[in-house]
Amino acid sequence: MSHANAALTPRARLRLAKLIVENHWPVGPAAKMFMVSPVTARKWAARYRTEGPAGMTDRSSRPQSMPRKTPP
């Protein structure tokens, strides 16, 4: 199950990434078909190229760092 902020399920992300990487679809039309931004589609395609299907799993949407955080 996807988390609340996820645009697509991991299975749909995999379908989108395969469409772009393996079937050589342009990013714009593929993104429009899945109703995500081209930037997001490009990100998932790049992740699929480097990590394969395992890269399509949900990730935390929490920021990795807080550079302006006040020290305790």
Foldseek 3Di string as FASTA:
>chain_A
DEDPPDLDALVVLLVLLCCCPVVVDDLVVSCVVSVHDSVVSVVSNVQCVVPNSVSSHYDDPDDPDDVPDDDD
